[in-house]
Protein backbone atom coordinates (compact mmCIF):
# COMPACT_ATOMS: atom_id res chain seq x y z
CA MET A 1 0.95 -14.56 -7.48
CA GLU A 2 -0.78 -11.20 -7.79
CA TRP A 3 -3.89 -10.00 -6.04
CA PRO A 4 -6.08 -7.13 -7.19
CA VAL A 5 -6.33 -4.46 -4.52
CA GLU A 6 -8.96 -1.74 -4.37
CA TYR A 7 -8.13 1.30 -2.25
CA TYR A 8 -10.97 3.37 -0.90
CA LYS A 9 -10.90 7.16 -0.88
CA LYS A 10 -12.13 9.39 1.89
CA GLU A 11 -14.35 12.38 1.12
CA ASN A 12 -11.24 14.59 1.03
CA SER A 13 -9.76 12.30 -1.69
CA SER A 14 -7.03 10.90 0.56
CA ILE A 15 -6.26 7.18 0.37
CA PRO A 16 -5.34 6.02 3.90
CA VAL A 17 -3.80 2.67 2.93
CA LEU A 18 -1.66 4.22 0.22
CA ASP A 19 -0.55 6.98 2.61
CA TYR A 20 0.49 4.29 5.11
CA LEU A 21 2.38 2.22 2.54
CA LEU A 22 4.30 5.26 1.32
CA THR A 23 5.57 5.93 4.86
CA LEU A 24 7.29 2.52 4.99
CA ASP A 25 10.86 1.95 3.83
CA ALA A 26 11.39 -0.06 0.63
CA LYS A 27 11.99 -3.38 2.41
CA MET A 28 8.79 -3.14 4.43
CA ARG A 29 6.81 -2.04 1.37
CA CYS A 30 7.91 -5.22 -0.41
CA LYS A 31 7.05 -7.31 2.62
CA ASN A 32 3.57 -5.77 2.85
CA ALA A 33 3.06 -6.28 -0.87
CA GLY A 34 4.02 -9.96 -0.51
CA LYS A 35 7.17 -9.70 -2.60
CA SER A 36 10.76 -10.41 -1.64
CA LEU A 37 13.78 -8.27 -2.46
């Protein structure tokens, strides 16, 4: 099942949620995205 996700941008064009997700290792990224390896 897929869910549409809208990320918000700050005034400086950064995307906090995306920045957070990119700091996670691959396994945790999959877990946060609701997918299994």
